[in-house]
Protein backbone atom coordinates (compact mmCIF):
# COMPACT_ATOMS: atom_id res chain seq x y z
CA MET A 1 0.00 0.00 0.00
CA THR A 2 1.29 3.41 -0.87
CA GLU A 3 2.09 5.94 1.85
CA GLN A 4 -0.22 8.38 0.05
CA LEU A 5 -3.20 6.10 0.54
CA SER A 6 -2.46 5.02 4.09
CA SER A 7 -1.70 8.55 5.28
CA LYS A 8 -4.95 10.14 4.02
CA LEU A 9 -7.71 7.96 5.45
CA SER A 10 -7.77 4.76 7.45
CA TRP A 11 -10.02 1.97 6.29
CA THR A 12 -12.43 2.73 9.14
CA GLU A 13 -12.70 6.37 8.04
CA ILE A 14 -13.35 5.27 4.46
CA ALA A 15 -15.92 2.71 5.68
CA SER A 16 -17.72 5.42 7.64
CA ALA A 17 -17.86 7.71 4.60
CA VAL A 18 -19.15 5.03 2.21
CA LYS A 19 -22.88 4.51 1.66
CA TRP A 20 -23.24 0.74 1.83
CA ASP A 21 -26.26 -0.79 0.09
CA ALA A 22 -28.88 -2.98 1.78
CA ASN A 23 -26.54 -5.97 1.49
CA GLY A 24 -23.58 -4.10 2.99
CA LEU A 25 -21.85 -3.75 -0.37
CA VAL A 26 -20.44 -0.95 -2.52
CA PRO A 27 -19.35 -1.15 -6.20
CA ALA A 28 -15.62 -0.74 -6.78
CA ILE A 29 -14.33 0.36 -10.18
CA VAL A 30 -10.77 -0.86 -10.80
CA GLN A 31 -8.58 1.23 -13.10
CA ASP A 32 -5.04 0.70 -14.40
CA ALA A 33 -2.95 3.38 -12.66
CA VAL A 34 -0.65 3.70 -15.67
CA SER A 35 -2.84 3.48 -18.80
CA LYS A 36 -6.01 4.70 -17.01
CA GLU A 37 -7.95 1.89 -18.68
CA VAL A 38 -10.96 0.72 -16.67
CA LEU A 39 -10.25 -2.95 -15.91
CA MET A 40 -13.26 -4.29 -14.03
CA LEU A 41 -16.10 -3.64 -11.63
CA ALA A 42 -16.57 -5.71 -8.49
CA TYR A 43 -18.11 -5.28 -5.04
CA MET A 44 -16.59 -4.74 -1.62
CA ASN A 45 -17.96 -5.16 1.85
CA GLN A 46 -16.33 -3.73 4.95
CA GLU A 47 -14.09 -6.77 5.45
CA SER A 48 -12.78 -6.75 1.87
CA LEU A 49 -12.23 -3.00 2.10
CA LYS A 50 -10.18 -3.52 5.26
CA LEU A 51 -8.12 -6.27 3.60
CA THR A 52 -7.56 -4.11 0.52
CA VAL A 53 -6.34 -1.11 2.51
CA THR A 54 -4.19 -3.08 4.94
CA SER A 55 -2.67 -5.55 2.46
CA GLY A 56 -2.18 -3.23 -0.52
CA GLU A 57 -3.85 -5.75 -2.87
CA THR A 58 -7.48 -5.87 -3.97
CA TRP A 59 -10.02 -8.00 -2.14
CA PHE A 60 -13.70 -8.21 -3.06
CA TRP A 61 -16.95 -9.84 -2.02
CA SER A 62 -18.35 -12.41 -4.44
CA ARG A 63 -22.13 -12.04 -4.61
CA SER A 64 -22.54 -15.35 -6.46
CA ARG A 65 -20.36 -17.41 -4.09
CA GLY A 66 -21.11 -15.45 -0.94
CA GLU A 67 -17.46 -15.21 0.10
CA LEU A 68 -14.39 -12.98 0.11
CA TRP A 69 -11.99 -13.31 -2.81
CA HIS A 70 -8.47 -12.07 -3.25
CA LYS A 71 -7.99 -10.95 -6.84
CA GLY A 72 -5.27 -13.06 -8.46
CA ALA A 73 -5.01 -15.60 -5.62
CA THR A 74 -5.53 -18.44 -8.12
CA SER A 75 -4.38 -16.91 -11.41
CA GLY A 76 -1.48 -14.87 -10.05
CA HIS A 77 -2.96 -11.77 -11.71
CA ILE A 78 -2.95 -9.68 -8.56
CA GLN A 79 -3.66 -5.97 -8.35
CA LYS A 80 -1.26 -3.80 -6.35
CA VAL A 81 -3.19 -0.80 -5.06
CA ARG A 82 -1.79 2.66 -5.75
CA SER A 83 -4.75 4.67 -4.51
CA LEU A 84 -8.33 4.28 -3.38
CA LYS A 85 -10.99 6.98 -3.60
CA TYR A 86 -14.75 7.29 -3.16
CA ASP A 87 -17.04 9.52 -5.20
CA CYS A 88 -18.98 12.64 -4.20
CA ASP A 89 -22.00 10.59 -3.10
CA GLY A 90 -19.92 8.01 -1.28
CA ASP A 91 -21.63 5.17 -3.11
CA THR A 92 -18.82 4.06 -5.45
CA LEU A 93 -15.13 3.30 -4.92
CA LEU A 94 -12.36 3.91 -7.45
CA VAL A 95 -9.26 1.73 -7.05
CA LEU A 96 -6.15 2.55 -9.09
CA VAL A 97 -3.87 -0.46 -9.41
CA ASP A 98 -0.78 -1.92 -10.99
CA GLN A 99 -2.29 -4.93 -12.74
CA GLN A 100 -0.24 -8.09 -12.99
CA GLY A 101 -1.36 -9.89 -16.15
CA PRO A 102 -4.95 -9.78 -17.48
CA ALA A 103 -7.71 -8.45 -15.22
CA CYS A 104 -10.50 -10.45 -16.84
CA HIS A 105 -11.11 -14.16 -16.24
CA THR A 106 -11.39 -14.55 -20.04
CA GLY A 107 -7.71 -13.65 -20.38
CA GLN A 108 -8.45 -10.17 -21.68
CA TYR A 109 -6.59 -7.18 -20.25
CA SER A 110 -9.88 -5.48 -19.29
CA CYS A 111 -13.35 -6.89 -18.70
CA PHE A 112 -14.68 -4.07 -20.88
CA PHE A 113 -13.59 -5.40 -24.26
CA ASN A 114 -17.00 -5.45 -25.99
CA GLU A 115 -16.93 -2.16 -27.86
CA VAL A 116 -20.11 -0.44 -29.00
CA ALA A 117 -19.66 2.25 -31.66
CA ALA A 118 -21.52 5.53 -31.21
CA ALA A 119 -23.82 6.76 -33.98
CA GLY A 120 -21.79 7.91 -36.97
CA GLU A 121 -18.56 6.46 -35.60
CA GLU A 122 -16.74 3.41 -36.90
CA LYS A 123 -15.91 0.78 -34.31
CA GLY A 124 -12.37 1.21 -33.03
CA SER A 125 -11.91 4.65 -34.60
CA VAL A 126 -10.30 7.58 -32.79
CA GLN A 127 -12.36 10.74 -33.17
CA GLY A 128 -11.90 14.35 -32.13
CA ASP A 129 -8.56 15.35 -30.59
CA ARG A 130 -5.76 14.24 -32.91
CA PHE A 131 -3.62 13.50 -29.88
CA ALA A 132 -6.17 10.95 -28.64
CA ILE A 133 -4.25 8.28 -30.57
CA LEU A 134 -1.51 8.51 -27.93
CA GLY A 135 -3.97 7.42 -25.26
CA GLU A 136 -5.25 4.67 -27.53
CA LEU A 137 -1.72 3.49 -28.19
CA GLU A 138 -0.85 3.56 -24.48
CA ALA A 139 -3.93 1.45 -23.75
CA THR A 140 -3.06 -1.04 -26.51
CA ILE A 141 0.49 -1.39 -25.18
CA ALA A 142 -0.89 -1.99 -21.68
CA LYS A 143 -3.20 -4.65 -23.13
CA ARG A 144 -0.27 -6.38 -24.84
CA ASP A 145 1.71 -6.24 -21.61
CA ALA A 146 -1.10 -7.91 -19.70
CA GLU A 147 -2.18 -10.53 -22.25
CA ARG A 148 1.18 -11.24 -23.96
CA PRO A 149 -0.36 -12.56 -27.23
CA GLU A 150 2.01 -14.90 -29.03
CA GLY A 151 3.69 -13.42 -32.09
CA ALA A 152 3.02 -9.77 -31.20
CA TYR A 153 6.04 -7.48 -31.43
CA THR A 154 5.08 -5.69 -28.22
CA THR A 155 4.96 -9.04 -26.42
CA TYR A 156 8.47 -9.75 -27.72
CA LEU A 157 9.76 -6.46 -26.31
CA PHE A 158 8.25 -7.01 -22.85
CA GLU A 159 9.52 -10.57 -22.67
CA LYS A 160 13.04 -9.51 -23.69
CA GLY A 161 13.01 -6.88 -20.94
CA VAL A 162 14.18 -3.36 -20.32
CA ASP A 163 17.61 -3.72 -21.96
CA LYS A 164 16.02 -4.68 -25.29
CA ILE A 165 13.49 -1.87 -25.00
CA LEU A 166 16.23 0.66 -24.25
CA LYS A 167 18.25 -0.60 -27.20
CA LYS A 168 15.27 -0.05 -29.50
CA VAL A 169 14.70 3.45 -28.11
CA GLY A 170 18.35 4.22 -28.84
CA GLU A 171 18.15 2.78 -32.35
CA GLU A 172 14.98 4.68 -33.19
CA THR A 173 16.48 7.91 -31.83
CA ALA A 174 19.42 7.45 -34.19
CA GLU A 175 17.00 6.80 -37.08
CA VAL A 176 15.18 10.04 -36.30
CA ILE A 177 18.49 11.94 -36.36
CA ILE A 178 19.42 10.40 -39.73
CA ALA A 179 15.98 11.19 -41.18
CA ALA A 180 16.27 14.80 -40.04
CA LYS A 181 19.75 15.09 -41.57
CA ASN A 182 18.33 13.70 -44.82
CA ARG A 183 15.68 16.45 -44.84
CA SER A 184 13.03 13.85 -45.65
CA HIS A 185 9.59 14.52 -44.16
CA ASP A 186 8.33 11.07 -45.11
CA GLU A 187 11.31 9.36 -43.50
CA LEU A 188 11.18 11.61 -40.42
CA ARG A 189 7.44 11.04 -39.95
CA TYR A 190 7.93 7.28 -40.11
CA GLU A 191 10.94 7.17 -37.76
CA ALA A 192 9.41 9.63 -35.28
CA SER A 193 6.34 7.36 -35.07
CA ASP A 194 8.60 4.38 -34.32
CA LEU A 195 10.37 6.36 -31.60
CA ILE A 196 7.13 7.46 -29.94
CA TYR A 197 5.85 3.87 -29.93
CA HIS A 198 9.03 2.53 -28.31
CA LEU A 199 9.02 5.37 -25.76
CA LEU A 200 5.49 4.38 -24.76
CA VAL A 201 6.60 0.76 -24.37
CA LEU A 202 9.41 1.97 -22.13
CA LEU A 203 7.02 4.08 -20.05
CA ARG A 204 4.79 1.03 -19.57
CA GLU A 205 7.74 -1.14 -18.54
CA GLN A 206 8.70 1.53 -16.00
CA LYS A 207 5.07 1.93 -14.78
CA LEU A 208 5.15 5.65 -15.59
CA PRO A 209 1.86 7.02 -16.99
CA LEU A 210 1.94 9.17 -20.10
CA ASP A 211 -0.21 11.59 -18.07
CA ASP A 212 2.80 12.25 -15.82
CA VAL A 213 4.91 13.21 -18.83
CA MET A 214 2.16 15.50 -20.11
CA ALA A 215 1.87 17.08 -16.67
CA GLU A 216 5.61 17.74 -16.66
CA LEU A 217 5.32 19.44 -20.03
CA ALA A 218 2.44 21.54 -18.70
CA ARG A 219 4.49 22.60 -15.66
CA ARG A 220 7.34 23.68 -17.92
CA HIS A 221 4.97 25.56 -20.22
CA ASN A 222 3.47 27.45 -17.27
CA LYS A 223 6.81 28.63 -15.89
């Protein structure tokens, strides 16, 4: 458990602030602390909340089995808690975690993998802000990290480890320099895209959210 979480509210203070339903439960939304992808929704009672806060790993109450369950106890896909919050009404918890492996029992990174396209929007398309693709790419990289699909290049990078990832970042940086020296926009666009991708893989390996990098840029801009 992070010092930030434990120093703000004890589990008893959180339990007092939460509006438990008639069955003594509250929904808990679990979100990847790095990619910000919503991973799953489960329920907590006061005992599972206590175990979550004191152990630093997620515990829930199974409504179907009528028992406590420690996420990842069987699969090994545990969730290390970075922070825990409750909403303005006190009737929903938000748990930010470092997810080990897939969050879903189906083997998917997130339980929310059934995408419904909005009216006038193609399924899987990125609309609006042209920088939204960075968030989409970060989420895809996180998915590859969790699921490790065989044959995927991103899987290969994660399995080879940080040294391989750093080597690729170095190689792509050199390619960007060469493209710029060649004064080729096509070449530079292609190599810069490769570099950004490998940087995002490195950020994922280091558990550093892209949001933190953007916040650093914002701080520098505001000076």
